[in-house]
């Protein structure tokens, strides 16, 4: 039986993504001919015929140079994903040995039916901002995705939400910290991250 459900999938090729270009880029796929026609129009100023604009659109075409770079990198994507899974599994092993459970939580091992690509390895931790600064001082990079939840962003002020309206999102925004998990991350670099975490929380009881 053929699945006739309309689908669309959106991919980001920002340089820091698992499959990243040399600059901004992205891709949308769909099984709907009607949606595909509209998307083609949207990407080129809402136009089917050059200089004749049927709808409001943008200039968001993926240039040939980015496509060429991505085409070469695509061949390595499976191996890179496997490398990220290996680094994530090693974090879990090191965290378990260090017994960090009083201070932070980390992503569990996904069920076997899921093939996680680990774009990020995000922990939730106490004293997040102080920890981030401490890691940086030790040469261990980290990043916060994201420091302000959507309902508190100035762009969505018109929706009328206020601090306290979405407690789980707000709590997460104060606790999340993403650690390096790129496939080239060496054991020594990963050990530095984990040792720095241990030093930070040891010094704070």
N, C-alpha and C. Protein backbone atom coordinates (compact mmCIF):
# COMPACT_ATOMS: atom_id res chain seq x y z
N UNK A 1 0.85 -1.19 0.00
CA UNK A 1 0.00 0.00 0.00
C UNK A 1 0.89 1.25 0.00
N UNK A 2 0.62 2.18 -0.88
CA UNK A 2 1.43 3.37 -1.00
C UNK A 2 1.03 4.40 0.05
N UNK A 3 2.02 4.96 0.72
CA UNK A 3 1.78 6.01 1.71
C UNK A 3 1.60 7.34 0.98
N UNK A 4 0.41 7.90 1.07
CA UNK A 4 0.11 9.15 0.37
C UNK A 4 0.18 10.36 1.30
N UNK A 5 0.67 10.17 2.52
CA UNK A 5 0.77 11.27 3.46
C UNK A 5 1.74 12.32 2.94
N UNK A 6 1.29 13.57 2.94
CA UNK A 6 2.16 14.64 2.49
C UNK A 6 3.28 14.85 3.50
N UNK A 7 4.51 14.92 2.98
CA UNK A 7 5.66 15.07 3.86
C UNK A 7 6.57 16.19 3.39
N UNK A 8 7.24 16.78 4.34
CA UNK A 8 8.34 17.68 4.02
C UNK A 8 9.39 17.56 5.11
N UNK A 9 10.64 17.61 4.72
CA UNK A 9 11.75 17.52 5.65
C UNK A 9 12.69 18.69 5.38
N UNK A 10 13.18 19.30 6.45
CA UNK A 10 14.01 20.49 6.35
C UNK A 10 15.39 20.17 6.92
N UNK A 11 16.43 20.52 6.18
CA UNK A 11 17.81 20.25 6.58
C UNK A 11 18.60 21.56 6.62
N UNK A 12 19.40 21.72 7.66
CA UNK A 12 20.31 22.86 7.76
C UNK A 12 21.72 22.41 7.45
N UNK A 13 22.41 23.18 6.61
CA UNK A 13 23.81 22.91 6.28
C UNK A 13 24.73 23.97 6.86
N UNK A 14 24.31 24.59 7.97
CA UNK A 14 25.17 25.55 8.65
C UNK A 14 26.50 24.86 8.97
N UNK A 15 27.63 25.57 8.92
CA UNK A 15 28.94 24.92 9.06
C UNK A 15 29.11 24.05 10.29
N UNK A 16 28.43 24.34 11.39
CA UNK A 16 28.61 23.55 12.61
C UNK A 16 27.72 22.30 12.64
N UNK A 17 26.87 22.11 11.64
CA UNK A 17 25.98 20.94 11.64
C UNK A 17 26.76 19.67 11.27
N UNK A 18 26.12 18.51 11.48
CA UNK A 18 26.76 17.24 11.15
C UNK A 18 27.19 17.20 9.69
N UNK A 19 26.36 17.70 8.80
CA UNK A 19 26.72 17.89 7.39
C UNK A 19 26.65 19.39 7.13
N UNK A 20 27.80 20.04 7.23
CA UNK A 20 27.84 21.50 7.11
C UNK A 20 28.60 21.95 5.89
N UNK A 21 28.18 23.06 5.32
CA UNK A 21 28.87 23.64 4.19
C UNK A 21 29.95 24.60 4.64
N UNK A 22 30.38 25.44 3.71
CA UNK A 22 31.38 26.45 4.02
C UNK A 22 30.72 27.77 4.40
N UNK A 23 29.40 27.79 4.40
CA UNK A 23 28.62 28.98 4.75
C UNK A 23 27.18 28.56 4.97
N UNK A 24 26.28 29.52 5.00
CA UNK A 24 24.87 29.20 5.22
C UNK A 24 24.31 28.40 4.05
N UNK A 25 23.40 27.51 4.35
CA UNK A 25 22.73 26.73 3.31
C UNK A 25 21.71 25.81 3.93
N UNK A 26 20.80 25.32 3.12
CA UNK A 26 19.78 24.40 3.62
C UNK A 26 19.08 23.70 2.48
N UNK A 27 18.17 22.79 2.82
CA UNK A 27 17.47 21.99 1.83
C UNK A 27 16.11 21.61 2.38
N UNK A 28 15.11 21.60 1.52
CA UNK A 28 13.78 21.11 1.87
C UNK A 28 13.41 20.03 0.85
N UNK A 29 12.93 18.89 1.35
CA UNK A 29 12.44 17.84 0.46
C UNK A 29 10.95 17.63 0.73
N UNK A 30 10.22 17.20 -0.28
CA UNK A 30 8.80 16.93 -0.13
C UNK A 30 8.36 15.92 -1.18
N UNK A 31 7.29 15.18 -0.87
CA UNK A 31 6.71 14.26 -1.84
C UNK A 31 5.47 14.85 -2.50
N UNK A 32 5.23 16.13 -2.25
CA UNK A 32 4.06 16.81 -2.81
C UNK A 32 4.48 17.70 -3.98
N UNK A 33 4.03 17.40 -5.20
CA UNK A 33 4.37 18.25 -6.35
C UNK A 33 3.90 19.70 -6.16
N UNK A 34 2.73 19.87 -5.54
CA UNK A 34 2.21 21.22 -5.34
C UNK A 34 3.10 22.01 -4.38
N UNK A 35 3.50 21.36 -3.28
CA UNK A 35 4.37 22.03 -2.34
C UNK A 35 5.74 22.31 -2.97
N UNK A 36 6.23 21.36 -3.75
CA UNK A 36 7.53 21.55 -4.41
C UNK A 36 7.49 22.77 -5.32
N UNK A 37 6.40 22.94 -6.07
CA UNK A 37 6.27 24.11 -6.96
C UNK A 37 6.30 25.40 -6.15
N UNK A 38 5.57 25.41 -5.04
CA UNK A 38 5.53 26.63 -4.22
C UNK A 38 6.90 26.92 -3.60
N UNK A 39 7.58 25.88 -3.13
CA UNK A 39 8.90 26.08 -2.53
C UNK A 39 9.89 26.62 -3.56
N UNK A 40 9.80 26.12 -4.80
CA UNK A 40 10.69 26.62 -5.84
C UNK A 40 10.44 28.10 -6.10
N UNK A 41 9.18 28.50 -6.01
CA UNK A 41 8.86 29.91 -6.17
C UNK A 41 9.38 30.73 -5.00
N UNK A 42 9.16 30.23 -3.78
CA UNK A 42 9.58 30.97 -2.60
C UNK A 42 11.09 31.22 -2.57
N UNK A 43 11.87 30.28 -3.08
CA UNK A 43 13.33 30.41 -3.00
C UNK A 43 13.87 31.45 -3.98
N UNK A 44 13.08 31.85 -4.96
CA UNK A 44 13.57 32.81 -5.95
C UNK A 44 12.58 33.96 -6.11
N UNK A 45 12.39 34.67 -5.01
CA UNK A 45 11.57 35.88 -4.99
C UNK A 45 10.11 35.65 -5.39
N UNK A 46 9.59 34.45 -5.15
CA UNK A 46 8.19 34.18 -5.47
C UNK A 46 7.89 34.15 -6.95
N UNK A 47 8.87 33.71 -7.73
CA UNK A 47 8.76 33.81 -9.18
C UNK A 47 8.90 32.47 -9.87
N UNK A 48 8.03 32.21 -10.86
CA UNK A 48 8.21 31.07 -11.76
C UNK A 48 8.94 31.53 -13.02
N UNK A 49 8.55 32.71 -13.48
CA UNK A 49 9.17 33.30 -14.66
C UNK A 49 10.02 34.49 -14.20
N UNK A 50 11.24 34.56 -14.67
CA UNK A 50 12.17 35.58 -14.22
C UNK A 50 11.58 36.97 -14.32
N UNK A 51 11.67 37.70 -13.20
CA UNK A 51 11.22 39.09 -13.06
C UNK A 51 9.70 39.23 -13.00
N UNK A 52 8.96 38.12 -12.90
CA UNK A 52 7.51 38.17 -12.71
C UNK A 52 7.20 37.42 -11.41
N UNK A 53 6.71 38.16 -10.41
CA UNK A 53 6.60 37.63 -9.04
C UNK A 53 5.13 37.40 -8.68
N UNK A 54 4.80 36.14 -8.45
CA UNK A 54 3.41 35.77 -8.16
C UNK A 54 3.10 35.83 -6.67
N UNK A 55 4.09 35.58 -5.83
CA UNK A 55 3.91 35.63 -4.39
C UNK A 55 5.16 36.28 -3.79
N UNK A 56 5.06 36.68 -2.51
CA UNK A 56 6.24 37.19 -1.82
C UNK A 56 7.18 36.03 -1.51
N UNK A 57 8.44 36.18 -1.87
CA UNK A 57 9.41 35.12 -1.62
C UNK A 57 10.71 35.68 -1.10
N UNK A 58 11.74 34.87 -1.14
CA UNK A 58 13.07 35.27 -0.67
C UNK A 58 14.09 34.88 -1.73
N UNK A 59 15.33 35.28 -1.49
CA UNK A 59 16.43 34.83 -2.33
C UNK A 59 17.23 33.83 -1.51
N UNK A 60 16.87 32.54 -1.62
CA UNK A 60 17.47 31.53 -0.74
C UNK A 60 17.89 30.29 -1.54
N UNK A 61 18.54 30.52 -2.65
CA UNK A 61 19.03 29.42 -3.47
C UNK A 61 20.37 28.92 -2.93
N UNK A 62 20.56 27.62 -2.92
CA UNK A 62 21.84 27.04 -2.54
C UNK A 62 22.79 27.18 -3.71
N UNK A 63 23.89 27.91 -3.51
CA UNK A 63 24.78 28.15 -4.65
C UNK A 63 25.59 26.91 -4.99
N UNK A 64 26.12 26.89 -6.21
CA UNK A 64 26.79 25.70 -6.73
C UNK A 64 28.02 25.31 -5.92
N UNK A 65 28.75 26.30 -5.39
CA UNK A 65 29.94 26.00 -4.60
C UNK A 65 29.57 25.24 -3.33
N UNK A 66 28.52 25.72 -2.63
CA UNK A 66 28.08 25.02 -1.42
C UNK A 66 27.61 23.61 -1.76
N UNK A 67 26.88 23.47 -2.85
CA UNK A 67 26.38 22.15 -3.25
C UNK A 67 27.54 21.20 -3.54
N UNK A 68 28.59 21.71 -4.18
CA UNK A 68 29.75 20.87 -4.49
C UNK A 68 30.46 20.42 -3.22
N UNK A 69 30.61 21.32 -2.27
CA UNK A 69 31.24 20.97 -0.99
C UNK A 69 30.42 19.93 -0.25
N UNK A 70 29.11 20.14 -0.20
CA UNK A 70 28.24 19.21 0.51
C UNK A 70 28.21 17.84 -0.16
N UNK A 71 28.29 17.83 -1.48
CA UNK A 71 28.27 16.55 -2.21
C UNK A 71 29.48 15.70 -1.84
N UNK A 72 30.63 16.33 -1.69
CA UNK A 72 31.84 15.60 -1.29
C UNK A 72 31.72 15.13 0.16
N UNK A 73 31.26 16.03 1.04
CA UNK A 73 31.17 15.70 2.46
C UNK A 73 30.11 14.64 2.75
N UNK A 74 29.08 14.57 1.91
CA UNK A 74 27.99 13.62 2.12
C UNK A 74 28.51 12.18 2.16
N UNK A 75 29.56 11.90 1.41
CA UNK A 75 30.12 10.54 1.36
C UNK A 75 30.64 10.10 2.73
N UNK A 76 30.97 11.06 3.58
CA UNK A 76 31.57 10.76 4.88
C UNK A 76 30.56 10.83 6.03
N UNK A 77 29.31 11.16 5.74
CA UNK A 77 28.35 11.46 6.79
C UNK A 77 28.10 10.27 7.72
N UNK A 78 27.97 9.07 7.17
CA UNK A 78 27.72 7.89 8.01
C UNK A 78 28.88 7.65 8.97
N UNK A 79 30.10 7.79 8.48
CA UNK A 79 31.26 7.59 9.35
C UNK A 79 31.33 8.66 10.42
N UNK A 80 31.00 9.90 10.06
CA UNK A 80 31.01 10.98 11.06
C UNK A 80 29.94 10.74 12.12
N UNK A 81 28.77 10.27 11.70
CA UNK A 81 27.70 9.98 12.67
C UNK A 81 28.14 8.86 13.61
N UNK A 82 28.81 7.85 13.08
CA UNK A 82 29.31 6.77 13.92
C UNK A 82 30.34 7.30 14.92
N UNK A 83 31.17 8.24 14.48
CA UNK A 83 32.14 8.85 15.37
C UNK A 83 31.48 9.63 16.48
N UNK A 84 30.41 10.34 16.17
CA UNK A 84 29.68 11.09 17.18
C UNK A 84 29.03 10.14 18.20
N UNK A 85 28.48 9.04 17.72
CA UNK A 85 27.89 8.06 18.64
C UNK A 85 28.96 7.48 19.56
N UNK A 86 30.14 7.22 19.01
CA UNK A 86 31.23 6.70 19.84
C UNK A 86 31.64 7.69 20.91
N UNK A 87 31.74 8.98 20.56
CA UNK A 87 32.11 10.00 21.54
C UNK A 87 31.03 10.14 22.61
N UNK A 88 29.76 10.08 22.19
CA UNK A 88 28.67 10.18 23.16
C UNK A 88 28.68 8.99 24.12
N UNK A 89 28.91 7.79 23.60
CA UNK A 89 28.97 6.61 24.46
C UNK A 89 30.14 6.72 25.44
N UNK A 90 31.24 7.28 24.98
CA UNK A 90 32.39 7.42 25.89
C UNK A 90 32.10 8.45 26.98
N UNK A 91 31.38 9.54 26.65
CA UNK A 91 30.96 10.47 27.69
C UNK A 91 30.15 9.75 28.75
N UNK A 92 29.20 8.94 28.32
CA UNK A 92 28.35 8.25 29.29
C UNK A 92 29.19 7.36 30.20
N UNK A 93 30.17 6.67 29.62
CA UNK A 93 31.03 5.79 30.42
C UNK A 93 31.84 6.62 31.42
N UNK A 94 32.43 7.70 30.96
CA UNK A 94 33.24 8.54 31.85
C UNK A 94 32.39 9.20 32.94
N UNK A 95 31.19 9.65 32.57
CA UNK A 95 30.30 10.28 33.55
C UNK A 95 29.87 9.28 34.61
N UNK A 96 29.59 8.05 34.16
CA UNK A 96 29.18 7.02 35.11
C UNK A 96 30.30 6.71 36.09
N UNK A 97 31.53 6.65 35.59
CA UNK A 97 32.68 6.37 36.46
C UNK A 97 32.94 7.52 37.42
N UNK A 98 32.69 8.75 36.97
CA UNK A 98 32.94 9.92 37.82
C UNK A 98 31.82 10.17 38.81
N UNK A 99 30.66 9.51 38.62
CA UNK A 99 29.51 9.65 39.52
C UNK A 99 29.11 11.12 39.68
N UNK A 100 28.70 11.72 38.53
CA UNK A 100 28.27 13.12 38.51
C UNK A 100 26.80 13.33 38.85
N UNK A 101 26.08 12.28 39.21
CA UNK A 101 24.63 12.35 39.26
C UNK A 101 24.10 13.40 40.24
N UNK A 102 24.90 13.79 41.23
CA UNK A 102 24.45 14.81 42.17
C UNK A 102 24.47 16.22 41.55
N UNK A 103 25.21 16.36 40.46
CA UNK A 103 25.43 17.69 39.91
C UNK A 103 24.88 17.89 38.49
N UNK A 104 24.75 16.81 37.73
CA UNK A 104 24.29 16.97 36.35
C UNK A 104 23.61 15.70 35.86
N UNK A 105 22.82 15.86 34.80
CA UNK A 105 22.23 14.71 34.11
C UNK A 105 22.65 14.79 32.65
N UNK A 106 22.70 13.64 32.01
CA UNK A 106 23.18 13.59 30.63
C UNK A 106 22.29 12.65 29.81
N UNK A 107 22.34 12.75 28.49
CA UNK A 107 21.44 11.95 27.66
C UNK A 107 21.68 10.46 27.84
N UNK A 108 20.62 9.69 28.05
CA UNK A 108 20.77 8.24 28.17
C UNK A 108 21.07 7.60 26.82
N UNK A 109 21.47 6.36 26.83
CA UNK A 109 21.68 5.63 25.58
C UNK A 109 20.33 5.43 24.90
N UNK A 110 20.19 5.84 23.63
CA UNK A 110 18.90 5.68 22.95
C UNK A 110 18.56 4.21 22.73
N UNK A 111 17.28 3.87 22.65
CA UNK A 111 16.91 2.50 22.32
C UNK A 111 17.53 2.06 20.98
N UNK A 112 17.78 0.77 20.83
CA UNK A 112 18.48 0.26 19.65
C UNK A 112 17.77 0.60 18.34
N UNK A 113 16.45 0.76 18.40
CA UNK A 113 15.72 1.04 17.15
C UNK A 113 15.97 2.45 16.63
N UNK A 114 16.59 3.31 17.44
CA UNK A 114 16.91 4.66 17.03
C UNK A 114 18.41 4.78 16.74
N UNK A 115 18.74 5.45 15.65
CA UNK A 115 20.14 5.68 15.28
C UNK A 115 20.43 7.15 15.48
N UNK A 116 20.89 7.50 16.67
CA UNK A 116 21.10 8.90 17.04
C UNK A 116 22.36 9.44 16.35
N UNK A 117 22.27 10.66 15.80
CA UNK A 117 23.43 11.25 15.12
C UNK A 117 24.15 12.27 15.99
N UNK A 118 23.63 12.58 17.17
CA UNK A 118 24.31 13.42 18.15
C UNK A 118 24.86 14.72 17.56
N UNK A 119 23.94 15.54 17.05
CA UNK A 119 24.36 16.88 16.65
C UNK A 119 24.91 17.64 17.85
N UNK A 120 24.34 17.39 19.02
CA UNK A 120 24.83 17.96 20.28
C UNK A 120 24.89 16.86 21.33
N UNK A 121 25.71 17.05 22.35
CA UNK A 121 25.65 16.22 23.55
C UNK A 121 25.38 17.19 24.70
N UNK A 122 24.12 17.30 25.07
CA UNK A 122 23.68 18.35 25.99
C UNK A 122 23.39 17.78 27.37
N UNK A 123 24.07 18.33 28.35
CA UNK A 123 23.83 17.97 29.74
C UNK A 123 22.95 19.03 30.38
N UNK A 124 22.34 18.69 31.51
CA UNK A 124 21.66 19.67 32.34
C UNK A 124 22.41 19.69 33.67
N UNK A 125 22.82 20.88 34.11
CA UNK A 125 23.78 20.95 35.20
C UNK A 125 23.50 22.10 36.15
N UNK A 126 24.04 21.95 37.35
CA UNK A 126 23.99 23.02 38.34
C UNK A 126 25.05 24.08 38.03
N UNK A 127 24.75 25.31 38.40
CA UNK A 127 25.70 26.43 38.23
C UNK A 127 26.22 26.49 36.79
N UNK A 128 25.29 26.41 35.84
CA UNK A 128 25.63 26.28 34.42
C UNK A 128 26.57 27.39 33.92
N UNK A 129 26.24 28.65 34.19
CA UNK A 129 27.04 29.75 33.65
C UNK A 129 28.44 29.76 34.23
N UNK A 130 28.56 29.48 35.52
CA UNK A 130 29.88 29.40 36.15
C UNK A 130 30.68 28.23 35.59
N UNK A 131 29.98 27.12 35.36
CA UNK A 131 30.65 25.94 34.78
C UNK A 131 31.16 26.24 33.38
N UNK A 132 30.34 26.89 32.57
CA UNK A 132 30.77 27.22 31.21
C UNK A 132 32.03 28.07 31.22
N UNK A 133 32.08 29.07 32.11
CA UNK A 133 33.26 29.92 32.20
C UNK A 133 34.48 29.12 32.67
N UNK A 134 34.27 28.20 33.59
CA UNK A 134 35.38 27.39 34.10
C UNK A 134 35.92 26.48 32.99
N UNK A 135 35.02 25.85 32.23
CA UNK A 135 35.46 25.00 31.12
C UNK A 135 36.28 25.80 30.12
N UNK A 136 35.81 26.99 29.82
CA UNK A 136 36.53 27.84 28.87
C UNK A 136 37.94 28.16 29.37
N UNK A 137 38.07 28.40 30.68
CA UNK A 137 39.39 28.72 31.25
C UNK A 137 40.34 27.53 31.17
N UNK A 138 39.78 26.32 31.04
CA UNK A 138 40.60 25.12 30.94
C UNK A 138 40.84 24.71 29.49
N UNK A 139 40.31 25.49 28.55
CA UNK A 139 40.47 25.15 27.14
C UNK A 139 39.47 24.15 26.63
N UNK A 140 38.37 24.00 27.33
CA UNK A 140 37.32 23.06 26.93
C UNK A 140 36.09 23.84 26.47
N UNK A 141 35.81 23.88 25.19
CA UNK A 141 34.68 24.67 24.69
C UNK A 141 33.34 24.04 25.05
N UNK A 142 32.33 24.87 25.15
CA UNK A 142 30.96 24.41 25.37
C UNK A 142 30.03 25.48 24.81
N UNK A 143 28.75 25.16 24.69
CA UNK A 143 27.80 26.12 24.14
C UNK A 143 26.44 25.93 24.79
N UNK A 144 25.67 27.02 24.84
CA UNK A 144 24.32 26.99 25.41
C UNK A 144 23.30 27.05 24.29
N UNK A 145 22.54 25.97 24.13
CA UNK A 145 21.44 25.92 23.16
C UNK A 145 20.14 25.65 23.94
N UNK A 146 19.40 26.64 24.30
CA UNK A 146 19.44 28.05 23.98
C UNK A 146 19.20 28.82 25.26
N UNK A 147 19.76 30.03 25.43
CA UNK A 147 19.68 30.73 26.71
C UNK A 147 18.33 31.35 27.02
N UNK A 148 17.49 31.53 26.01
CA UNK A 148 16.19 32.16 26.23
C UNK A 148 15.12 31.39 25.47
N UNK A 149 14.10 30.85 26.16
CA UNK A 149 13.07 30.08 25.46
C UNK A 149 12.24 30.96 24.53
N UNK A 150 11.61 30.31 23.57
CA UNK A 150 10.90 31.04 22.52
C UNK A 150 9.84 31.99 23.07
N UNK A 151 9.11 31.55 24.09
CA UNK A 151 7.99 32.38 24.54
C UNK A 151 8.46 33.66 25.23
N UNK A 152 9.77 33.76 25.55
CA UNK A 152 10.30 34.98 26.16
C UNK A 152 11.15 35.80 25.19
N UNK A 153 11.25 35.35 23.95
CA UNK A 153 11.98 36.11 22.95
C UNK A 153 11.21 37.39 22.60
N UNK A 154 11.91 38.52 22.44
CA UNK A 154 11.24 39.77 22.09
C UNK A 154 10.37 39.65 20.83
N UNK A 155 10.80 38.81 19.87
CA UNK A 155 10.04 38.67 18.63
C UNK A 155 8.64 38.11 18.86
N UNK A 156 8.45 37.38 19.97
CA UNK A 156 7.15 36.77 20.25
C UNK A 156 6.43 37.43 21.41
N UNK A 157 6.83 38.64 21.73
CA UNK A 157 6.20 39.37 22.83
C UNK A 157 4.71 39.57 22.57
N UNK A 158 4.35 39.68 21.29
CA UNK A 158 2.94 39.93 20.94
C UNK A 158 2.03 38.78 21.34
N UNK A 159 2.60 37.59 21.61
CA UNK A 159 1.78 36.45 22.00
C UNK A 159 1.31 36.56 23.46
N UNK A 160 1.94 37.44 24.23
CA UNK A 160 1.47 37.72 25.58
C UNK A 160 1.99 36.80 26.67
N UNK A 161 3.01 36.00 26.39
CA UNK A 161 3.56 35.13 27.42
C UNK A 161 4.52 35.90 28.33
N UNK A 162 4.66 35.42 29.55
CA UNK A 162 5.54 36.06 30.52
C UNK A 162 6.38 35.01 31.24
N UNK A 163 7.42 35.45 31.92
CA UNK A 163 8.23 34.54 32.70
C UNK A 163 7.36 33.83 33.72
N UNK A 164 7.51 32.52 33.80
CA UNK A 164 6.69 31.72 34.70
C UNK A 164 5.58 30.98 33.99
N UNK A 165 5.33 31.32 32.72
CA UNK A 165 4.24 30.67 31.99
C UNK A 165 4.61 29.26 31.52
N UNK A 166 5.89 29.02 31.25
CA UNK A 166 6.34 27.71 30.77
C UNK A 166 7.57 27.31 31.58
N UNK A 167 7.31 26.76 32.76
CA UNK A 167 8.36 26.54 33.74
C UNK A 167 9.41 25.54 33.29
N UNK A 168 9.00 24.48 32.60
CA UNK A 168 9.97 23.47 32.17
C UNK A 168 10.96 24.04 31.17
N UNK A 169 10.44 24.80 30.20
CA UNK A 169 11.32 25.41 29.20
C UNK A 169 12.26 26.41 29.86
N UNK A 170 11.74 27.19 30.78
CA UNK A 170 12.56 28.20 31.45
C UNK A 170 13.63 27.54 32.32
N UNK A 171 13.27 26.46 33.02
CA UNK A 171 14.26 25.75 33.84
C UNK A 171 15.36 25.17 32.96
N UNK A 172 14.97 24.56 31.84
CA UNK A 172 15.96 23.98 30.92
C UNK A 172 16.90 25.05 30.39
N UNK A 173 16.37 26.24 30.09
CA UNK A 173 17.20 27.30 29.51
C UNK A 173 18.29 27.76 30.47
N UNK A 174 18.12 27.48 31.77
CA UNK A 174 19.13 27.86 32.77
C UNK A 174 20.09 26.71 33.10
N UNK A 175 19.80 25.52 32.56
CA UNK A 175 20.59 24.35 32.94
C UNK A 175 21.34 23.69 31.79
N UNK A 176 20.89 23.89 30.54
CA UNK A 176 21.47 23.14 29.42
C UNK A 176 22.86 23.65 29.06
N UNK A 177 23.75 22.71 28.76
CA UNK A 177 25.10 23.04 28.29
C UNK A 177 25.55 21.91 27.36
N UNK A 178 25.93 22.27 26.14
CA UNK A 178 26.35 21.28 25.15
C UNK A 178 27.86 21.15 25.13
N UNK A 179 28.33 19.92 25.22
CA UNK A 179 29.75 19.62 25.25
C UNK A 179 30.23 19.18 23.87
N UNK A 180 31.53 19.31 23.59
CA UNK A 180 32.04 18.89 22.28
C UNK A 180 31.75 17.42 22.03
N UNK A 181 31.27 17.10 20.82
CA UNK A 181 30.97 15.71 20.48
C UNK A 181 31.29 15.43 19.02
N UNK A 182 32.12 16.28 18.41
CA UNK A 182 32.45 16.08 17.00
C UNK A 182 33.30 14.81 16.84
N UNK A 183 33.21 14.16 15.68
CA UNK A 183 33.84 12.83 15.53
C UNK A 183 35.35 12.82 15.68
N UNK A 184 36.01 13.96 15.43
CA UNK A 184 37.47 14.02 15.55
C UNK A 184 37.94 14.27 16.99
N UNK A 185 37.00 14.42 17.92
CA UNK A 185 37.34 14.67 19.32
C UNK A 185 38.18 13.52 19.86
N UNK A 186 39.38 13.82 20.32
CA UNK A 186 40.30 12.77 20.80
C UNK A 186 39.95 12.37 22.23
N UNK A 187 40.46 11.20 22.63
CA UNK A 187 40.26 10.77 24.01
C UNK A 187 40.83 11.80 24.99
N UNK A 188 41.99 12.34 24.65
CA UNK A 188 42.63 13.31 25.55
C UNK A 188 41.78 14.57 25.69
N UNK A 189 41.22 15.04 24.59
CA UNK A 189 40.37 16.23 24.65
C UNK A 189 39.11 15.95 25.45
N UNK A 190 38.54 14.77 25.27
CA UNK A 190 37.33 14.40 26.02
C UNK A 190 37.65 14.22 27.50
N UNK A 191 38.80 13.65 27.78
CA UNK A 191 39.22 13.51 29.19
C UNK A 191 39.36 14.88 29.84
N UNK A 192 39.87 15.86 29.09
CA UNK A 192 40.01 17.21 29.63
C UNK A 192 38.64 17.79 30.00
N UNK A 193 37.64 17.59 29.16
CA UNK A 193 36.30 18.08 29.44
C UNK A 193 35.78 17.46 30.74
N UNK A 194 35.88 16.14 30.84
CA UNK A 194 35.33 15.43 32.00
C UNK A 194 36.12 15.77 33.26
N UNK A 195 37.44 15.86 33.16
CA UNK A 195 38.24 16.22 34.33
C UNK A 195 37.93 17.63 34.79
N UNK A 196 37.69 18.53 33.83
CA UNK A 196 37.33 19.91 34.18
C UNK A 196 35.99 19.96 34.89
N UNK A 197 35.04 19.16 34.44
CA UNK A 197 33.76 19.05 35.13
C UNK A 197 33.97 18.57 36.57
N UNK A 198 34.80 17.54 36.72
CA UNK A 198 35.06 16.99 38.05
C UNK A 198 35.72 18.03 38.95
N UNK A 199 36.69 18.75 38.41
CA UNK A 199 37.38 19.77 39.20
C UNK A 199 36.42 20.87 39.64
N UNK A 200 35.55 21.28 38.73
CA UNK A 200 34.60 22.35 39.04
C UNK A 200 33.70 21.96 40.20
N UNK A 201 33.11 20.79 40.14
CA UNK A 201 32.15 20.40 41.18
C UNK A 201 32.85 19.95 42.47
N UNK A 202 34.04 19.43 42.35
CA UNK A 202 34.80 19.09 43.56
C UNK A 202 35.12 20.33 44.38
N UNK A 203 35.50 21.38 43.71
CA UNK A 203 35.84 22.64 44.40
C UNK A 203 34.62 23.33 45.01
N UNK A 204 33.43 22.87 44.61
CA UNK A 204 32.21 23.49 45.14
C UNK A 204 31.44 22.54 46.04
N UNK A 205 32.10 21.50 46.45
CA UNK A 205 31.48 20.57 47.40
C UNK A 205 30.42 19.70 46.76
